[in-house]
């Protein structure tokens, strides 16, 4: 082999080795990035999107929020796919009444739900004419102005074409735009936590219930949209009621909204990604 050919072969080998090192460095970077994301999602913040109307008026279908993972400690439910790497619950702390929490819903424990904490261990909870009686005392409730929300594409999709619960709650303007109008109230718990709720009707159960006693290390949870929430008032049935929820099932505490969309965007029309966004909802806390 001539000296020139040897140098050419050496150059080719150097280029191949350089490319191999670049690919190796790239894969190392990807692995490190995935580890950072995994750690961040497991122990700091995790994203959560709202698929239903059970937490109106605070949360709407199409809202995306961050959930703080450290607020109540960590368990296997803090990890993606509930990988059983954490025994029991470590650094545990109890939520406060009024907190909005994300949790795994019993009895299956593989679906994320979001509700508001109403009762803690030892509390008694009863619903009378749609109002909450906590430890024998009626939780104060005052009437607010009606909650009026424009009908959006994601509301129509989620409710089989009937976005306003029942036709009597829907209004149509002269220009053809549609809105839902719901009775809205403000509840104030004994610890001072105050929040708005919707109460659309007063029927039998679940607007009138027996007395629930919250067991040790459990929570009584309710949706703010009281007539559209399968919550602790209902017995544990997969995909329906959740009954009393163990605190071990906590995933985290709702922190703030990071994005919101009305569902009208199309992946094939990039400009609609911006027109569909509800910018005024971004950054809202709890």
Protein backbone atom coordinates (compact mmCIF):
# COMPACT_ATOMS: atom_id res chain seq x y z
CA UNK A 1 0.00 0.00 0.00
CA UNK A 2 1.38 3.42 -0.93
CA UNK A 3 1.95 6.12 1.65
CA UNK A 4 -0.86 8.18 0.12
CA UNK A 5 -3.31 5.26 0.30
CA UNK A 6 -2.36 4.62 3.92
CA UNK A 7 -3.04 8.24 4.83
CA UNK A 8 -6.40 8.10 3.05
CA UNK A 9 -7.38 4.94 4.95
CA UNK A 10 -6.28 6.53 8.22
CA UNK A 11 -8.37 9.63 7.48
CA UNK A 12 -11.42 7.46 6.74
CA UNK A 13 -10.92 5.58 10.02
CA UNK A 14 -10.59 8.84 11.95
CA UNK A 15 -13.83 10.17 10.40
CA UNK A 16 -15.62 6.92 11.23
CA UNK A 17 -14.36 7.03 14.81
CA UNK A 18 -15.36 10.68 15.10
CA UNK A 19 -18.88 9.93 13.85
CA UNK A 20 -19.13 6.99 16.22
CA UNK A 21 -18.08 9.20 19.15
CA UNK A 22 -20.60 11.86 18.10
CA UNK A 23 -23.44 9.32 18.01
CA UNK A 24 -22.30 7.88 21.35
CA UNK A 25 -22.27 11.38 22.89
CA UNK A 26 -25.71 12.06 21.38
CA UNK A 27 -27.23 8.91 22.89
CA UNK A 28 -25.60 9.69 26.24
CA UNK A 29 -27.18 13.16 26.09
CA UNK A 30 -30.60 11.65 25.31
CA UNK A 31 -30.33 9.22 28.23
CA UNK A 32 -29.32 12.02 30.61
CA UNK A 33 -32.16 14.21 29.32
CA UNK A 34 -34.69 11.41 29.82
CA UNK A 35 -33.38 10.84 33.35
CA UNK A 36 -33.70 14.54 34.16
CA UNK A 37 -37.26 14.62 32.80
CA UNK A 38 -38.12 11.44 34.70
CA UNK A 39 -36.76 12.83 37.97
CA UNK A 40 -38.48 16.19 37.41
CA UNK A 41 -41.85 14.56 36.67
CA UNK A 42 -41.56 12.11 39.56
CA UNK A 43 -40.39 14.45 42.31
CA UNK A 44 -40.93 18.10 41.31
CA UNK A 45 -43.76 18.91 38.86
CA UNK A 46 -45.92 16.77 36.60
CA UNK A 47 -48.34 17.95 33.87
CA UNK A 48 -52.04 17.11 34.06
CA UNK A 49 -54.83 17.90 31.63
CA UNK A 50 -58.53 18.35 32.39
CA UNK A 51 -60.79 15.96 30.43
CA UNK A 52 -64.15 16.68 32.13
CA UNK A 53 -66.29 19.40 33.69
CA UNK A 54 -66.32 18.05 37.24
CA UNK A 55 -64.14 20.93 38.54
CA UNK A 56 -65.93 23.85 36.89
CA UNK A 57 -65.88 26.77 37.36
CA UNK A 58 -62.17 26.76 38.33
CA UNK A 59 -61.05 24.19 35.76
CA UNK A 60 -62.31 23.79 32.19
CA UNK A 61 -61.94 21.02 29.65
CA UNK A 62 -58.71 21.75 27.80
CA UNK A 63 -56.84 23.22 30.78
CA UNK A 64 -53.31 21.95 31.38
CA UNK A 65 -51.77 22.39 34.81
CA UNK A 66 -48.70 21.58 36.80
CA UNK A 67 -49.05 19.36 39.86
CA UNK A 68 -46.47 19.74 42.63
CA UNK A 69 -45.20 16.28 43.57
CA UNK A 70 -43.54 17.17 46.89
CA UNK A 71 -46.59 18.66 48.62
CA UNK A 72 -47.80 15.46 50.30
CA UNK A 73 -44.75 13.20 50.06
CA UNK A 74 -43.98 10.40 47.65
CA UNK A 75 -45.30 6.90 46.98
CA UNK A 76 -45.32 4.56 44.01
CA UNK A 77 -48.14 6.72 42.63
CA UNK A 78 -45.65 9.57 42.28
CA UNK A 79 -43.77 7.58 39.66
CA UNK A 80 -44.77 7.07 36.01
CA UNK A 81 -47.04 4.04 35.60
CA UNK A 82 -47.02 3.66 39.43
CA UNK A 83 -43.81 1.64 39.31
CA UNK A 84 -43.55 0.04 42.81
CA UNK A 85 -40.11 1.42 43.71
CA UNK A 86 -41.18 3.44 46.77
CA UNK A 87 -42.48 1.39 49.73
CA UNK A 88 -45.53 2.99 51.38
CA UNK A 89 -45.33 6.78 51.53
CA UNK A 90 -42.21 8.78 52.43
CA UNK A 91 -41.99 12.41 53.61
CA UNK A 92 -45.77 12.19 54.00
CA UNK A 93 -47.90 15.18 54.96
CA UNK A 94 -51.66 15.54 55.12
CA UNK A 95 -53.54 17.79 52.67
CA UNK A 96 -55.61 20.68 53.97
CA UNK A 97 -59.35 21.00 53.51
CA UNK A 98 -59.94 22.93 50.34
CA UNK A 99 -56.80 21.73 48.53
CA UNK A 100 -57.26 20.66 44.91
CA UNK A 101 -55.44 17.35 44.57
CA UNK A 102 -54.60 14.83 41.86
CA UNK A 103 -54.79 11.18 42.91
CA UNK A 104 -55.16 7.65 41.66
CA UNK A 105 -58.81 6.65 41.80
CA UNK A 106 -59.72 3.46 43.66
CA UNK A 107 -60.56 0.68 43.30
CA UNK A 108 -58.38 0.18 40.19
CA UNK A 109 -55.75 2.82 41.13
CA UNK A 110 -54.51 3.37 37.58
CA UNK A 111 -56.46 6.50 36.53
CA UNK A 112 -55.66 10.07 37.59
CA UNK A 113 -58.55 12.11 39.02
CA UNK A 114 -58.67 15.69 40.29
CA UNK A 115 -61.01 16.81 43.12
CA UNK A 116 -61.15 19.12 46.13
CA UNK A 117 -60.47 17.88 49.66
CA UNK A 118 -63.55 18.41 51.85
CA UNK A 119 -63.10 15.96 54.74
CA UNK A 120 -60.07 14.56 56.57
CA UNK A 121 -59.74 11.59 58.97
CA UNK A 122 -62.34 11.72 61.72
CA UNK A 123 -64.52 14.29 59.95
CA UNK A 124 -68.20 13.69 59.27
CA UNK A 125 -69.62 14.92 55.96
CA UNK A 126 -73.25 15.11 54.88
CA UNK A 127 -74.93 16.72 51.88
CA UNK A 128 -78.26 18.43 52.60
CA UNK A 129 -80.14 20.12 49.75
CA UNK A 130 -76.86 20.28 47.82
CA UNK A 131 -74.98 22.01 50.63
CA UNK A 132 -72.12 20.55 52.66
CA UNK A 133 -72.49 19.85 56.38
CA UNK A 134 -69.02 19.34 57.86
CA UNK A 135 -68.76 17.96 61.39
CA UNK A 136 -72.39 18.87 62.04
CA UNK A 137 -72.04 22.49 60.86
CA UNK A 138 -73.38 23.82 57.57
CA UNK A 139 -70.53 25.15 55.42
CA UNK A 140 -71.35 28.82 54.62
CA UNK A 141 -72.41 29.37 51.02
CA UNK A 142 -73.26 32.65 49.28
CA UNK A 143 -74.79 33.25 45.85
CA UNK A 144 -72.51 34.71 43.21
CA UNK A 145 -73.23 35.93 39.70
CA UNK A 146 -73.99 33.13 37.25
CA UNK A 147 -71.07 31.34 35.62
CA UNK A 148 -71.27 32.02 31.88
CA UNK A 149 -68.95 30.11 29.56
CA UNK A 150 -68.79 30.06 25.75
CA UNK A 151 -69.51 26.70 24.15
CA UNK A 152 -66.25 25.28 22.79
CA UNK A 153 -65.34 22.36 20.55
CA UNK A 154 -63.93 20.30 23.42
CA UNK A 155 -67.12 20.81 25.45
CA UNK A 156 -69.21 19.53 22.53
CA UNK A 157 -66.93 16.52 22.02
CA UNK A 158 -66.91 15.59 25.69
CA UNK A 159 -70.69 15.76 26.06
CA UNK A 160 -71.93 14.06 22.89
CA UNK A 161 -73.09 17.31 21.34
CA UNK A 162 -74.94 18.60 24.45
CA UNK A 163 -72.33 20.95 25.99
CA UNK A 164 -74.51 22.63 28.64
CA UNK A 165 -75.62 19.65 30.73
CA UNK A 166 -79.27 20.27 29.83
CA UNK A 167 -80.86 22.47 27.11
CA UNK A 168 -82.24 24.96 29.65
CA UNK A 169 -78.71 26.01 30.60
CA UNK A 170 -77.80 26.97 27.01
CA UNK A 171 -78.20 30.47 25.58
CA UNK A 172 -77.84 31.60 21.98
CA UNK A 173 -76.96 35.15 21.01
CA UNK A 174 -78.25 36.91 17.89
CA UNK A 175 -74.96 36.29 16.12
CA UNK A 176 -75.35 32.54 16.71
CA UNK A 177 -72.75 32.16 19.46
CA UNK A 178 -73.68 29.73 22.23
CA UNK A 179 -73.07 30.00 25.98
CA UNK A 180 -73.77 27.92 29.06
CA UNK A 181 -75.13 29.71 32.13
CA UNK A 182 -74.91 27.98 35.51
CA UNK A 183 -75.85 29.00 39.09
CA UNK A 184 -72.63 29.75 41.00
CA UNK A 185 -71.94 29.95 44.75
CA UNK A 186 -68.98 30.57 47.03
CA UNK A 187 -68.23 28.05 49.79
CA UNK A 188 -65.97 28.85 52.72
CA UNK A 189 -64.55 26.01 54.82
CA UNK A 190 -63.79 26.35 58.54
CA UNK A 191 -60.07 26.90 57.82
CA UNK A 192 -60.89 29.93 55.65
CA UNK A 193 -60.40 28.25 52.27
CA UNK A 194 -62.92 29.79 49.87
CA UNK A 195 -63.80 28.72 46.34
CA UNK A 196 -66.62 28.84 43.80
CA UNK A 197 -68.91 25.87 43.11
CA UNK A 198 -71.72 25.14 40.67
CA UNK A 199 -75.04 23.69 41.84
CA UNK A 200 -77.26 22.93 38.85
CA UNK A 201 -80.15 21.10 40.46
CA UNK A 202 -81.49 19.85 43.77
CA UNK A 203 -82.70 16.30 43.41
CA UNK A 204 -82.46 13.24 45.61
CA UNK A 205 -79.12 11.55 46.03
CA UNK A 206 -76.39 12.89 45.76
CA UNK A 207 -77.85 16.30 46.78
CA UNK A 208 -79.14 14.66 49.95
CA UNK A 209 -77.06 11.96 51.59
CA UNK A 210 -76.44 10.11 54.78
CA UNK A 211 -73.56 10.96 57.08
CA UNK A 212 -70.10 9.88 55.92
CA UNK A 213 -67.30 9.39 58.45
CA UNK A 214 -63.81 9.69 57.00
CA UNK A 215 -61.56 6.75 58.07
CA UNK A 216 -57.96 7.13 59.19
CA UNK A 217 -55.50 8.06 56.44
CA UNK A 218 -58.33 8.72 53.97
CA UNK A 219 -59.99 11.78 52.38
CA UNK A 220 -63.50 12.81 51.38
CA UNK A 221 -63.26 14.50 47.98
CA UNK A 222 -65.79 16.42 45.89
CA UNK A 223 -65.85 18.13 42.50
CA UNK A 224 -66.65 21.85 42.43
CA UNK A 225 -69.31 21.14 39.80
CA UNK A 226 -71.48 19.29 42.28
CA UNK A 227 -73.99 17.77 39.85
CA UNK A 228 -71.36 16.58 37.37
CA UNK A 229 -68.86 14.87 39.64
CA UNK A 230 -68.59 11.19 40.52
CA UNK A 231 -66.76 11.69 43.81
CA UNK A 232 -66.65 10.43 47.42
CA UNK A 233 -70.43 10.58 47.67
CA UNK A 234 -70.54 7.55 45.38
CA UNK A 235 -69.28 4.06 46.26
CA UNK A 236 -66.08 2.80 44.69
CA UNK A 237 -66.87 1.52 41.21
CA UNK A 238 -64.23 1.39 38.50
CA UNK A 239 -64.64 4.41 36.20
CA UNK A 240 -67.42 5.89 38.36
CA UNK A 241 -67.52 6.68 42.08
CA UNK A 242 -64.33 6.82 44.15
CA UNK A 243 -65.62 6.48 47.72
CA UNK A 244 -63.17 7.44 50.46
CA UNK A 245 -59.70 7.79 48.93
CA UNK A 246 -56.55 6.66 50.78
CA UNK A 247 -54.04 9.48 51.21
CA UNK A 248 -51.43 7.06 49.91
CA UNK A 249 -53.10 7.47 46.49
CA UNK A 250 -52.16 11.15 46.30
CA UNK A 251 -50.13 12.14 43.25
CA UNK A 252 -49.74 15.82 44.08
CA UNK A 253 -51.30 19.24 44.59
CA UNK A 254 -52.65 21.37 41.73
CA UNK A 255 -50.37 24.42 41.44
CA UNK A 256 -51.12 26.57 38.39
CA UNK A 257 -52.43 26.45 34.83
CA UNK A 258 -49.71 26.33 32.17
CA UNK A 259 -51.89 26.21 29.05
CA UNK A 260 -55.51 26.07 27.96
CA UNK A 261 -57.20 25.35 24.64
CA UNK A 262 -60.81 25.42 23.48
CA UNK A 263 -60.31 22.38 21.25
CA UNK A 264 -60.69 24.15 17.92
CA UNK A 265 -57.06 23.75 16.81
CA UNK A 266 -56.02 21.49 13.94
CA UNK A 267 -52.57 19.95 13.67
CA UNK A 268 -52.64 20.65 9.92
CA UNK A 269 -53.34 24.37 10.46
CA UNK A 270 -50.55 25.73 12.70
CA UNK A 271 -52.10 29.19 13.15
CA UNK A 272 -55.08 27.60 14.90
CA UNK A 273 -52.74 26.45 17.68
CA UNK A 274 -52.65 30.10 18.73
CA UNK A 275 -56.26 31.09 18.03
CA UNK A 276 -57.50 28.10 20.06
CA UNK A 277 -55.44 29.02 23.11
CA UNK A 278 -57.20 30.64 26.07
CA UNK A 279 -54.30 32.91 27.00
CA UNK A 280 -56.08 34.59 29.92
CA UNK A 281 -56.19 31.28 31.82
CA UNK A 282 -52.43 30.68 31.72
CA UNK A 283 -50.73 31.23 35.08
CA UNK A 284 -53.89 30.96 37.20
CA UNK A 285 -53.12 29.44 40.60
CA UNK A 286 -55.21 27.77 43.28
